[in-house]
């Protein structure tokens, strides 16, 4: 079966089987595993460089706190990437957690059908 890109908006994929889901990745895990550990930077040293309380970075890398816009801007400045990168990680994580917690409620919502409006 071939699906044309023009048809994607009208196809209902809700009945498709779902495979085993991976747990969402907290942005603190990315910060810890992809930045701090390889670069040998402690959370305390990072907090000093970013001029923020050490508890903020500790809570983020322990996956107990979200990355705010303020923190994203500081991380981007320090690591030479973008605030959008950090906020994208946070948004992806938040969306995955929300989808999981709202799964039953979302499944009860019927898609708008203009033919029945």
PDB file of N, CA and C in Angstrom:
ATOM      1  N   UNK A   1       0.838  -1.171   0.000  1.00  0.00           N
ATOM      2  CA  UNK A   1       0.000   0.000   0.000  1.00  0.00           C
ATOM      3  C   UNK A   1       0.883   1.235   0.000  1.00  0.00           C
ATOM      4  N   UNK A   2       0.560   2.172  -0.823  1.00  0.00           N
ATOM      5  CA  UNK A   2       1.302   3.422  -0.902  1.00  0.00           C
ATOM      6  C   UNK A   2       0.446   4.553  -0.354  1.00  0.00           C
ATOM      7  N   UNK A   3       1.052   5.373   0.467  1.00  0.00           N
ATOM      8  CA  UNK A   3       0.364   6.551   0.998  1.00  0.00           C
ATOM      9  C   UNK A   3       1.030   7.774   0.399  1.00  0.00           C
ATOM     10  N   UNK A   4       0.225   8.593  -0.232  1.00  0.00           N
ATOM     11  CA  UNK A   4       0.754   9.827  -0.808  1.00  0.00           C
ATOM     12  C   UNK A   4       0.796  10.902   0.274  1.00  0.00           C
ATOM     13  N   UNK A   5       1.791  11.763   0.200  1.00  0.00           N
ATOM     14  CA  UNK A   5       1.950  12.804   1.212  1.00  0.00           C
ATOM     15  C   UNK A   5       0.715  13.692   1.320  1.00  0.00           C
ATOM     16  N   UNK A   6       0.029  13.894   0.220  1.00  0.00           N
ATOM     17  CA  UNK A   6      -1.182  14.713   0.232  1.00  0.00           C
ATOM     18  C   UNK A   6      -2.298  14.067   1.056  1.00  0.00           C
ATOM     19  N   UNK A   7      -2.219  12.757   1.269  1.00  0.00           N
ATOM     20  CA  UNK A   7      -3.266  12.032   1.988  1.00  0.00           C
ATOM     21  C   UNK A   7      -3.013  11.955   3.493  1.00  0.00           C
ATOM     22  N   UNK A   8      -1.824  12.314   3.936  1.00  0.00           N
ATOM     23  CA  UNK A   8      -1.472  12.144   5.345  1.00  0.00           C
ATOM     24  C   UNK A   8      -2.430  12.845   6.295  1.00  0.00           C
ATOM     25  N   UNK A   9      -2.875  14.043   5.949  1.00  0.00           N
ATOM     26  CA  UNK A   9      -3.745  14.806   6.846  1.00  0.00           C
ATOM     27  C   UNK A   9      -5.103  14.141   7.058  1.00  0.00           C
ATOM     28  N   UNK A  10      -5.514  13.271   6.154  1.00  0.00           N
ATOM     29  CA  UNK A  10      -6.841  12.663   6.262  1.00  0.00           C
ATOM     30  C   UNK A  10      -6.806  11.215   6.746  1.00  0.00           C
ATOM     31  N   UNK A  11      -5.644  10.700   7.075  1.00  0.00           N
ATOM     32  CA  UNK A  11      -5.527   9.311   7.522  1.00  0.00           C
ATOM     33  C   UNK A  11      -5.544   9.264   9.044  1.00  0.00           C
ATOM     34  N   UNK A  12      -6.343   8.364   9.584  1.00  0.00           N
ATOM     35  CA  UNK A  12      -6.428   8.180  11.027  1.00  0.00           C
ATOM     36  C   UNK A  12      -5.489   7.040  11.422  1.00  0.00           C
ATOM     37  N   UNK A  13      -4.424   7.377  12.124  1.00  0.00           N
ATOM     38  CA  UNK A  13      -3.450   6.382  12.558  1.00  0.00           C
ATOM     39  C   UNK A  13      -3.713   5.902  13.985  1.00  0.00           C
ATOM     40  N   UNK A  14      -4.812   6.316  14.592  1.00  0.00           N
ATOM     41  CA  UNK A  14      -5.044   6.032  16.007  1.00  0.00           C
ATOM     42  C   UNK A  14      -5.220   4.551  16.316  1.00  0.00           C
ATOM     43  N   UNK A  15      -5.574   3.739  15.319  1.00  0.00           N
ATOM     44  CA  UNK A  15      -5.788   2.321  15.583  1.00  0.00           C
ATOM     45  C   UNK A  15      -4.534   1.476  15.373  1.00  0.00           C
ATOM     46  N   UNK A  16      -3.433   2.114  15.045  1.00  0.00           N
ATOM     47  CA  UNK A  16      -2.204   1.364  14.803  1.00  0.00           C
ATOM     48  C   UNK A  16      -1.637   0.854  16.119  1.00  0.00           C
ATOM     49  N   UNK A  17      -1.096  -0.339  16.083  1.00  0.00           N
ATOM     50  CA  UNK A  17      -0.488  -0.921  17.274  1.00  0.00           C
ATOM     51  C   UNK A  17       0.733  -0.110  17.668  1.00  0.00           C
ATOM     52  N   UNK A  18       0.921  -0.013  18.970  1.00  0.00           N
ATOM     53  CA  UNK A  18       2.081   0.713  19.471  1.00  0.00           C
ATOM     54  C   UNK A  18       3.092  -0.297  19.990  1.00  0.00           C
ATOM     55  N   UNK A  19       4.337  -0.071  19.642  1.00  0.00           N
ATOM     56  CA  UNK A  19       5.400  -0.925  20.142  1.00  0.00           C
ATOM     57  C   UNK A  19       5.804  -0.505  21.539  1.00  0.00           C
ATOM     58  N   UNK A  20       6.824  -1.158  22.049  1.00  0.00           N
ATOM     59  CA  UNK A  20       7.322  -0.815  23.373  1.00  0.00           C
ATOM     60  C   UNK A  20       7.880   0.601  23.350  1.00  0.00           C
ATOM     61  N   UNK A  21       7.467   1.390  24.304  1.00  0.00           N
ATOM     62  CA  UNK A  21       7.871   2.794  24.343  1.00  0.00           C
ATOM     63  C   UNK A  21       9.141   2.960  25.164  1.00  0.00           C
ATOM     64  N   UNK A  22       9.982   3.854  24.685  1.00  0.00           N
ATOM     65  CA  UNK A  22      11.149   4.242  25.461  1.00  0.00           C
ATOM     66  C   UNK A  22      10.732   5.332  26.433  1.00  0.00           C
ATOM     67  N   UNK A  23      11.349   5.355  27.579  1.00  0.00           N
ATOM     68  CA  UNK A  23      11.068   6.418  28.529  1.00  0.00           C
ATOM     69  C   UNK A  23      11.577   7.736  27.968  1.00  0.00           C
ATOM     70  N   UNK A  24      10.868   8.822  28.225  1.00  0.00           N
ATOM     71  CA  UNK A  24      11.359  10.117  27.745  1.00  0.00           C
ATOM     72  C   UNK A  24      12.680  10.469  28.421  1.00  0.00           C
ATOM     73  N   UNK A  25      13.523  11.174  27.701  1.00  0.00           N
ATOM     74  CA  UNK A  25      14.837  11.548  28.225  1.00  0.00           C
ATOM     75  C   UNK A  25      14.761  12.957  28.789  1.00  0.00           C
ATOM     76  N   UNK A  26      15.059  13.072  30.064  1.00  0.00           N
ATOM     77  CA  UNK A  26      15.062  14.375  30.728  1.00  0.00           C
ATOM     78  C   UNK A  26      16.264  15.175  30.228  1.00  0.00           C
ATOM     79  N   UNK A  27      16.093  16.474  29.995  1.00  0.00           N
ATOM     80  CA  UNK A  27      17.220  17.288  29.526  1.00  0.00           C
ATOM     81  C   UNK A  27      18.399  17.295  30.497  1.00  0.00           C
ATOM     82  N   UNK A  28      18.129  17.050  31.766  1.00  0.00           N
ATOM     83  CA  UNK A  28      19.215  16.952  32.740  1.00  0.00           C
ATOM     84  C   UNK A  28      20.135  15.781  32.458  1.00  0.00           C
ATOM     85  N   UNK A  29      19.570  14.694  31.929  1.00  0.00           N
ATOM     86  CA  UNK A  29      20.394  13.546  31.552  1.00  0.00           C
ATOM     87  C   UNK A  29      21.312  13.917  30.397  1.00  0.00           C
ATOM     88  N   UNK A  30      20.800  14.652  29.427  1.00  0.00           N
ATOM     89  CA  UNK A  30      21.624  15.103  28.297  1.00  0.00           C
ATOM     90  C   UNK A  30      22.728  16.026  28.794  1.00  0.00           C
ATOM     91  N   UNK A  31      22.371  16.968  29.645  1.00  0.00           N
ATOM     92  CA  UNK A  31      23.367  17.891  30.197  1.00  0.00           C
ATOM     93  C   UNK A  31      24.464  17.120  30.921  1.00  0.00           C
ATOM     94  N   UNK A  32      24.069  16.178  31.749  1.00  0.00           N
ATOM     95  CA  UNK A  32      25.024  15.397  32.537  1.00  0.00           C
ATOM     96  C   UNK A  32      25.883  14.488  31.659  1.00  0.00           C
ATOM     97  N   UNK A  33      25.231  13.681  30.811  1.00  0.00           N
ATOM     98  CA  UNK A  33      25.936  12.634  30.067  1.00  0.00           C
ATOM     99  C   UNK A  33      26.665  13.128  28.823  1.00  0.00           C
ATOM    100  N   UNK A  34      26.150  14.170  28.182  1.00  0.00           N
ATOM    101  CA  UNK A  34      26.737  14.633  26.920  1.00  0.00           C
ATOM    102  C   UNK A  34      27.611  15.877  27.069  1.00  0.00           C
ATOM    103  N   UNK A  35      27.494  16.560  28.196  1.00  0.00           N
ATOM    104  CA  UNK A  35      28.264  17.787  28.384  1.00  0.00           C
ATOM    105  C   UNK A  35      29.162  17.709  29.617  1.00  0.00           C
ATOM    106  N   UNK A  36      28.563  17.563  30.789  1.00  0.00           N
ATOM    107  CA  UNK A  36      29.355  17.644  32.011  1.00  0.00           C
ATOM    108  C   UNK A  36      30.379  16.522  32.151  1.00  0.00           C
ATOM    109  N   UNK A  37      29.950  15.292  32.020  1.00  0.00           N
ATOM    110  CA  UNK A  37      30.877  14.167  32.205  1.00  0.00           C
ATOM    111  C   UNK A  37      31.990  14.175  31.163  1.00  0.00           C
ATOM    112  N   UNK A  38      31.680  14.243  29.861  1.00  0.00           N
ATOM    113  CA  UNK A  38      32.779  14.230  28.878  1.00  0.00           C
ATOM    114  C   UNK A  38      33.723  15.428  28.996  1.00  0.00           C
ATOM    115  N   UNK A  39      33.182  16.572  29.394  1.00  0.00           N
ATOM    116  CA  UNK A  39      34.014  17.773  29.498  1.00  0.00           C
ATOM    117  C   UNK A  39      34.633  17.940  30.884  1.00  0.00           C
ATOM    118  N   UNK A  40      34.332  16.978  31.764  1.00  0.00           N
ATOM    119  CA  UNK A  40      34.864  16.987  33.128  1.00  0.00           C
ATOM    120  C   UNK A  40      34.536  18.295  33.863  1.00  0.00           C
ATOM    121  N   UNK A  41      33.277  18.683  33.763  1.00  0.00           N
ATOM    122  CA  UNK A  41      32.781  19.880  34.438  1.00  0.00           C
ATOM    123  C   UNK A  41      31.835  19.425  35.548  1.00  0.00           C
ATOM    124  N   UNK A  42      32.041  19.911  36.744  1.00  0.00           N
ATOM    125  CA  UNK A  42      31.129  19.566  37.836  1.00  0.00           C
ATOM    126  C   UNK A  42      29.897  20.467  37.774  1.00  0.00           C
ATOM    127  N   UNK A  43      28.796  19.995  38.321  1.00  0.00           N
ATOM    128  CA  UNK A  43      27.617  20.858  38.386  1.00  0.00           C
ATOM    129  C   UNK A  43      27.908  22.165  39.133  1.00  0.00           C
ATOM    130  N   UNK A  44      28.726  22.073  40.171  1.00  0.00           N
ATOM    131  CA  UNK A  44      29.073  23.279  40.925  1.00  0.00           C
ATOM    132  C   UNK A  44      29.858  24.262  40.062  1.00  0.00           C
ATOM    133  N   UNK A  45      30.847  23.759  39.318  1.00  0.00           N
ATOM    134  CA  UNK A  45      31.630  24.633  38.433  1.00  0.00           C
ATOM    135  C   UNK A  45      30.734  25.265  37.371  1.00  0.00           C
ATOM    136  N   UNK A  46      29.794  24.491  36.851  1.00  0.00           N
ATOM    137  CA  UNK A  46      28.874  25.036  35.856  1.00  0.00           C
ATOM    138  C   UNK A  46      28.004  26.128  36.468  1.00  0.00           C
ATOM    139  N   UNK A  47      27.525  25.895  37.674  1.00  0.00           N
ATOM    140  CA  UNK A  47      26.686  26.910  38.322  1.00  0.00           C
ATOM    141  C   UNK A  47      27.461  28.208  38.541  1.00  0.00           C
ATOM    142  N   UNK A  48      28.731  28.101  38.884  1.00  0.00           N
ATOM    143  CA  UNK A  48      29.555  29.306  39.035  1.00  0.00           C
ATOM    144  C   UNK A  48      29.707  30.025  37.699  1.00  0.00           C
ATOM    145  N   UNK A  49      29.976  29.264  36.648  1.00  0.00           N
ATOM    146  CA  UNK A  49      30.164  29.860  35.320  1.00  0.00           C
ATOM    147  C   UNK A  49      28.882  30.524  34.820  1.00  0.00           C
ATOM    148  N   UNK A  50      27.741  29.926  35.146  1.00  0.00           N
ATOM    149  CA  UNK A  50      26.456  30.465  34.690  1.00  0.00           C
ATOM    150  C   UNK A  50      25.902  31.538  35.627  1.00  0.00           C
ATOM    151  N   UNK A  51      26.565  31.677  36.781  1.00  0.00           N
ATOM    152  CA  UNK A  51      26.141  32.655  37.792  1.00  0.00           C
ATOM    153  C   UNK A  51      24.718  32.392  38.274  1.00  0.00           C
ATOM    154  N   UNK A  52      24.478  31.121  38.604  1.00  0.00           N
ATOM    155  CA  UNK A  52      23.180  30.711  39.146  1.00  0.00           C
ATOM    156  C   UNK A  52      23.422  29.831  40.364  1.00  0.00           C
ATOM    157  N   UNK A  53      22.414  29.631  41.206  1.00  0.00           N
ATOM    158  CA  UNK A  53      22.592  28.778  42.382  1.00  0.00           C
ATOM    159  C   UNK A  53      22.952  27.340  41.991  1.00  0.00           C
ATOM    160  N   UNK A  54      23.849  26.755  42.759  1.00  0.00           N
ATOM    161  CA  UNK A  54      24.273  25.373  42.500  1.00  0.00           C
ATOM    162  C   UNK A  54      23.091  24.412  42.581  1.00  0.00           C
ATOM    163  N   UNK A  55      22.133  24.714  43.435  1.00  0.00           N
ATOM    164  CA  UNK A  55      20.972  23.822  43.568  1.00  0.00           C
ATOM    165  C   UNK A  55      20.195  23.716  42.261  1.00  0.00           C
ATOM    166  N   UNK A  56      20.184  24.789  41.470  1.00  0.00           N
ATOM    167  CA  UNK A  56      19.448  24.752  40.197  1.00  0.00           C
ATOM    168  C   UNK A  56      20.065  23.714  39.265  1.00  0.00           C
ATOM    169  N   UNK A  57      21.381  23.774  39.082  1.00  0.00           N
ATOM    170  CA  UNK A  57      22.048  22.807  38.196  1.00  0.00           C
ATOM    171  C   UNK A  57      21.969  21.408  38.781  1.00  0.00           C
ATOM    172  N   UNK A  58      22.191  21.276  40.086  1.00  0.00           N
ATOM    173  CA  UNK A  58      22.100  19.952  40.711  1.00  0.00           C
ATOM    174  C   UNK A  58      20.725  19.337  40.498  1.00  0.00           C
ATOM    175  N   UNK A  59      19.684  20.124  40.678  1.00  0.00           N
ATOM    176  CA  UNK A  59      18.327  19.606  40.483  1.00  0.00           C
ATOM    177  C   UNK A  59      18.075  19.219  39.027  1.00  0.00           C
ATOM    178  N   UNK A  60      18.637  19.979  38.101  1.00  0.00           N
ATOM    179  CA  UNK A  60      18.464  19.646  36.677  1.00  0.00           C
ATOM    180  C   UNK A  60      19.177  18.343  36.350  1.00  0.00           C
ATOM    181  N   UNK A  61      20.448  18.205  36.740  1.00  0.00           N
ATOM    182  CA  UNK A  61      21.188  16.987  36.375  1.00  0.00           C
ATOM    183  C   UNK A  61      20.691  15.766  37.142  1.00  0.00           C
ATOM    184  N   UNK A  62      20.013  15.972  38.277  1.00  0.00           N
ATOM    185  CA  UNK A  62      19.393  14.855  38.995  1.00  0.00           C
ATOM    186  C   UNK A  62      17.982  14.585  38.471  1.00  0.00           C
ATOM    187  N   UNK A  63      17.586  15.355  37.439  1.00  0.00           N
ATOM    188  CA  UNK A  63      16.306  15.176  36.750  1.00  0.00           C
ATOM    189  C   UNK A  63      15.105  15.477  37.644  1.00  0.00           C
ATOM    190  N   UNK A  64      15.293  16.455  38.544  1.00  0.00           N
ATOM    191  CA  UNK A  64      14.220  16.880  39.437  1.00  0.00           C
ATOM    192  C   UNK A  64      13.696  18.271  39.101  1.00  0.00           C
ATOM    193  N   UNK A  65      14.273  18.887  38.079  1.00  0.00           N
ATOM    194  CA  UNK A  65      13.890  20.262  37.747  1.00  0.00           C
ATOM    195  C   UNK A  65      13.956  20.453  36.243  1.00  0.00           C
ATOM    196  N   UNK A  66      13.071  21.286  35.741  1.00  0.00           N
ATOM    197  CA  UNK A  66      13.044  21.593  34.309  1.00  0.00           C
ATOM    198  C   UNK A  66      14.065  22.683  33.982  1.00  0.00           C
ATOM    199  N   UNK A  67      14.455  22.719  32.720  1.00  0.00           N
ATOM    200  CA  UNK A  67      15.299  23.803  32.233  1.00  0.00           C
ATOM    201  C   UNK A  67      14.378  24.963  31.852  1.00  0.00           C
ATOM    202  N   UNK A  68      14.598  26.108  32.471  1.00  0.00           N
ATOM    203  CA  UNK A  68      13.804  27.299  32.174  1.00  0.00           C
ATOM    204  C   UNK A  68      14.457  28.068  31.025  1.00  0.00           C
ATOM    205  N   UNK A  69      13.747  29.056  30.522  1.00  0.00           N
ATOM    206  CA  UNK A  69      14.309  29.902  29.466  1.00  0.00           C
ATOM    207  C   UNK A  69      15.575  30.589  29.968  1.00  0.00           C
ATOM    208  N   UNK A  70      15.550  31.062  31.206  1.00  0.00           N
ATOM    209  CA  UNK A  70      16.726  31.706  31.794  1.00  0.00           C
ATOM    210  C   UNK A  70      17.933  30.770  31.766  1.00  0.00           C
ATOM    211  N   UNK A  71      17.726  29.548  32.225  1.00  0.00           N
ATOM    212  CA  UNK A  71      18.824  28.578  32.250  1.00  0.00           C
ATOM    213  C   UNK A  71      19.244  28.199  30.839  1.00  0.00           C
ATOM    214  N   UNK A  72      18.290  28.047  29.938  1.00  0.00           N
ATOM    215  CA  UNK A  72      18.606  27.700  28.545  1.00  0.00           C
ATOM    216  C   UNK A  72      19.489  28.765  27.904  1.00  0.00           C
ATOM    217  N   UNK A  73      19.179  30.021  28.140  1.00  0.00           N
ATOM    218  CA  UNK A  73      19.999  31.105  27.588  1.00  0.00           C
ATOM    219  C   UNK A  73      21.419  31.061  28.141  1.00  0.00           C
ATOM    220  N   UNK A  74      21.550  30.782  29.415  1.00  0.00           N
ATOM    221  CA  UNK A  74      22.871  30.709  30.047  1.00  0.00           C
ATOM    222  C   UNK A  74      23.663  29.498  29.544  1.00  0.00           C
ATOM    223  N   UNK A  75      22.994  28.342  29.453  1.00  0.00           N
ATOM    224  CA  UNK A  75      23.664  27.141  28.938  1.00  0.00           C
ATOM    225  C   UNK A  75      24.119  27.352  27.499  1.00  0.00           C
ATOM    226  N   UNK A  76      23.275  27.965  26.699  1.00  0.00           N
ATOM    227  CA  UNK A  76      23.616  28.220  25.293  1.00  0.00           C
ATOM    228  C   UNK A  76      24.835  29.130  25.185  1.00  0.00           C
ATOM    229  N   UNK A  77      24.859  30.153  25.988  1.00  0.00           N
ATOM    230  CA  UNK A  77      25.997  31.082  25.973  1.00  0.00           C
ATOM    231  C   UNK A  77      27.282  30.355  26.369  1.00  0.00           C
ATOM    232  N   UNK A  78      27.198  29.536  27.398  1.00  0.00           N
ATOM    233  CA  UNK A  78      28.379  28.843  27.920  1.00  0.00           C
ATOM    234  C   UNK A  78      28.887  27.762  26.958  1.00  0.00           C
ATOM    235  N   UNK A  79      27.977  26.937  26.449  1.00  0.00           N
ATOM    236  CA  UNK A  79      28.394  25.809  25.610  1.00  0.00           C
ATOM    237  C   UNK A  79      28.471  26.148  24.124  1.00  0.00           C
ATOM    238  N   UNK A  80      28.039  27.337  23.732  1.00  0.00           N
ATOM    239  CA  UNK A  80      28.149  27.740  22.333  1.00  0.00           C
ATOM    240  C   UNK A  80      27.105  27.120  21.422  1.00  0.00           C
ATOM    241  N   UNK A  81      25.993  26.697  22.010  1.00  0.00           N
ATOM    242  CA  UNK A  81      24.891  26.212  21.175  1.00  0.00           C
ATOM    243  C   UNK A  81      23.730  27.193  21.311  1.00  0.00           C
ATOM    244  N   UNK A  82      22.503  26.759  21.160  1.00  0.00           N
ATOM    245  CA  UNK A  82      21.380  27.693  21.193  1.00  0.00           C
ATOM    246  C   UNK A  82      20.444  27.410  22.365  1.00  0.00           C
ATOM    247  N   UNK A  83      19.747  28.451  22.780  1.00  0.00           N
ATOM    248  CA  UNK A  83      18.722  28.276  23.809  1.00  0.00           C
ATOM    249  C   UNK A  83      17.604  27.380  23.282  1.00  0.00           C
ATOM    250  N   UNK A  84      17.363  27.453  21.971  1.00  0.00           N
ATOM    251  CA  UNK A  84      16.328  26.608  21.361  1.00  0.00           C
ATOM    252  C   UNK A  84      16.669  25.122  21.502  1.00  0.00           C
ATOM    253  N   UNK A  85      17.950  24.796  21.457  1.00  0.00           N
ATOM    254  CA  UNK A  85      18.369  23.407  21.669  1.00  0.00           C
ATOM    255  C   UNK A  85      17.911  22.931  23.047  1.00  0.00           C
ATOM    256  N   UNK A  86      18.231  23.712  24.071  1.00  0.00           N
ATOM    257  CA  UNK A  86      17.890  23.325  25.439  1.00  0.00           C
ATOM    258  C   UNK A  86      16.383  23.337  25.664  1.00  0.00           C
ATOM    259  N   UNK A  87      15.699  24.338  25.130  1.00  0.00           N
ATOM    260  CA  UNK A  87      14.249  24.398  25.298  1.00  0.00           C
ATOM    261  C   UNK A  87      13.561  23.297  24.493  1.00  0.00           C
ATOM    262  N   UNK A  88      14.143  22.930  23.369  1.00  0.00           N
ATOM    263  CA  UNK A  88      13.605  21.819  22.588  1.00  0.00           C
ATOM    264  C   UNK A  88      13.670  20.513  23.357  1.00  0.00           C
ATOM    265  N   UNK A  89      14.796  20.280  24.039  1.00  0.00           N
ATOM    266  CA  UNK A  89      14.913  19.080  24.875  1.00  0.00           C
ATOM    267  C   UNK A  89      13.843  19.080  25.962  1.00  0.00           C
ATOM    268  N   UNK A  90      13.659  20.238  26.594  1.00  0.00           N
ATOM    269  CA  UNK A  90      12.675  20.331  27.673  1.00  0.00           C
ATOM    270  C   UNK A  90      11.258  20.144  27.144  1.00  0.00           C
ATOM    271  N   UNK A  91      10.958  20.778  26.020  1.00  0.00           N
ATOM    272  CA  UNK A  91       9.621  20.656  25.429  1.00  0.00           C
ATOM    273  C   UNK A  91       9.332  19.223  25.007  1.00  0.00           C
ATOM    274  N   UNK A  92      10.310  18.563  24.384  1.00  0.00           N
ATOM    275  CA  UNK A  92      10.128  17.166  23.979  1.00  0.00           C
ATOM    276  C   UNK A  92       9.842  16.288  25.194  1.00  0.00           C
ATOM    277  N   UNK A  93      10.590  16.514  26.273  1.00  0.00           N
ATOM    278  CA  UNK A  93      10.392  15.741  27.497  1.00  0.00           C
ATOM    279  C   UNK A  93       9.003  16.005  28.084  1.00  0.00           C
ATOM    280  N   UNK A  94       8.652  17.282  28.213  1.00  0.00           N
ATOM    281  CA  UNK A  94       7.349  17.641  28.781  1.00  0.00           C
ATOM    282  C   UNK A  94       6.205  17.060  27.955  1.00  0.00           C
ATOM    283  N   UNK A  95       6.340  17.106  26.631  1.00  0.00           N
ATOM    284  CA  UNK A  95       5.298  16.585  25.748  1.00  0.00           C
ATOM    285  C   UNK A  95       5.150  15.070  25.925  1.00  0.00           C
ATOM    286  N   UNK A  96       6.258  14.360  26.007  1.00  0.00           N
ATOM    287  CA  UNK A  96       6.200  12.904  26.175  1.00  0.00           C
ATOM    288  C   UNK A  96       5.552  12.532  27.502  1.00  0.00           C
ATOM    289  N   UNK A  97       5.906  13.237  28.560  1.00  0.00           N
ATOM    290  CA  UNK A  97       5.318  12.964  29.874  1.00  0.00           C
ATOM    291  C   UNK A  97       3.820  13.271  29.859  1.00  0.00           C
ATOM    292  N   UNK A  98       3.446  14.393  29.260  1.00  0.00           N
ATOM    293  CA  UNK A  98       2.029  14.772  29.197  1.00  0.00           C
ATOM    294  C   UNK A  98       1.227  13.785  28.355  1.00  0.00           C
ATOM    295  N   UNK A  99       1.775  13.377  27.219  1.00  0.00           N
ATOM    296  CA  UNK A  99       1.069  12.403  26.367  1.00  0.00           C
ATOM    297  C   UNK A  99       0.787  11.122  27.137  1.00  0.00           C
ATOM    298  N   UNK A 100       1.783  10.686  27.895  1.00  0.00           N
ATOM    299  CA  UNK A 100       1.624   9.455  28.655  1.00  0.00           C
ATOM    300  C   UNK A 100       0.568   9.621  29.747  1.00  0.00           C
ATOM    301  N   UNK A 101       0.631  10.712  30.482  1.00  0.00           N
ATOM    302  CA  UNK A 101      -0.308  10.892  31.592  1.00  0.00           C
ATOM    303  C   UNK A 101      -1.730  11.202  31.112  1.00  0.00           C
ATOM    304  N   UNK A 102      -1.862  11.762  29.920  1.00  0.00           N
ATOM    305  CA  UNK A 102      -3.185  12.108  29.381  1.00  0.00           C
ATOM    306  C   UNK A 102      -3.716  11.100  28.366  1.00  0.00           C
ATOM    307  N   UNK A 103      -3.004   9.999  28.185  1.00  0.00           N
ATOM    308  CA  UNK A 103      -3.342   9.033  27.141  1.00  0.00           C
ATOM    309  C   UNK A 103      -4.821   8.646  27.139  1.00  0.00           C
ATOM    310  N   UNK A 104      -5.361   8.243  28.272  1.00  0.00           N
ATOM    311  CA  UNK A 104      -6.761   7.798  28.320  1.00  0.00           C
ATOM    312  C   UNK A 104      -7.720   8.933  27.980  1.00  0.00           C
ATOM    313  N   UNK A 105      -7.480  10.109  28.546  1.00  0.00           N
ATOM    314  CA  UNK A 105      -8.354  11.259  28.272  1.00  0.00           C
ATOM    315  C   UNK A 105      -8.285  11.644  26.799  1.00  0.00           C
ATOM    316  N   UNK A 106      -7.107  11.645  26.226  1.00  0.00           N
ATOM    317  CA  UNK A 106      -6.962  12.012  24.816  1.00  0.00           C
ATOM    318  C   UNK A 106      -7.637  10.997  23.900  1.00  0.00           C
ATOM    319  N   UNK A 107      -7.583   9.728  24.284  1.00  0.00           N
ATOM    320  CA  UNK A 107      -8.221   8.692  23.467  1.00  0.00           C
ATOM    321  C   UNK A 107      -9.740   8.816  23.452  1.00  0.00           C
ATOM    322  N   UNK A 108     -10.318   9.468  24.457  1.00  0.00           N
ATOM    323  CA  UNK A 108     -11.771   9.656  24.503  1.00  0.00           C
ATOM    324  C   UNK A 108     -12.229  10.856  23.679  1.00  0.00           C
ATOM    325  N   UNK A 109     -11.304  11.678  23.221  1.00  0.00           N
ATOM    326  CA  UNK A 109     -11.659  12.858  22.428  1.00  0.00           C
ATOM    327  C   UNK A 109     -11.755  12.454  20.966  1.00  0.00           C
ATOM    328  N   UNK A 110     -12.900  12.749  20.364  1.00  0.00           N
ATOM    329  CA  UNK A 110     -13.118  12.425  18.953  1.00  0.00           C
ATOM    330  C   UNK A 110     -12.578  13.544  18.083  1.00  0.00           C
ATOM    331  N   UNK A 111     -11.959  13.156  16.977  1.00  0.00           N
ATOM    332  CA  UNK A 111     -11.427  14.127  16.024  1.00  0.00           C
ATOM    333  C   UNK A 111     -12.568  14.914  15.388  1.00  0.00           C
ATOM    334  N   UNK A 112     -12.348  16.201  15.174  1.00  0.00           N
ATOM    335  CA  UNK A 112     -13.336  17.059  14.526  1.00  0.00           C
ATOM    336  C   UNK A 112     -13.595  16.562  13.113  1.00  0.00           C
ATOM    337  N   UNK A 113     -14.854  16.448  12.773  1.00  0.00           N
ATOM    338  CA  UNK A 113     -15.255  16.033  11.434  1.00  0.00           C
ATOM    339  C   UNK A 113     -16.163  17.114  10.864  1.00  0.00           C
ATOM    340  N   UNK A 114     -15.680  17.894   9.887  1.00  0.00           N
ATOM    341  CA  UNK A 114     -16.495  18.980   9.346  1.00  0.00           C
ATOM    342  C   UNK A 114     -17.806  18.491   8.731  1.00  0.00           C
ATOM    343  N   UNK A 115     -17.862  17.240   8.316  1.00  0.00           N
ATOM    344  CA  UNK A 115     -19.091  16.706   7.722  1.00  0.00           C
ATOM    345  C   UNK A 115     -20.207  16.596   8.762  1.00  0.00           C
ATOM    346  N   UNK A 116     -19.825  16.513  10.035  1.00  0.00           N
ATOM    347  CA  UNK A 116     -20.819  16.380  11.102  1.00  0.00           C
ATOM    348  C   UNK A 116     -20.903  17.634  11.965  1.00  0.00           C
ATOM    349  N   UNK A 117     -20.391  18.732  11.470  1.00  0.00           N
ATOM    350  CA  UNK A 117     -20.408  19.978  12.266  1.00  0.00           C
ATOM    351  C   UNK A 117     -21.727  20.695  12.149  1.00  0.00           C
TER     352      UNK A 117
END
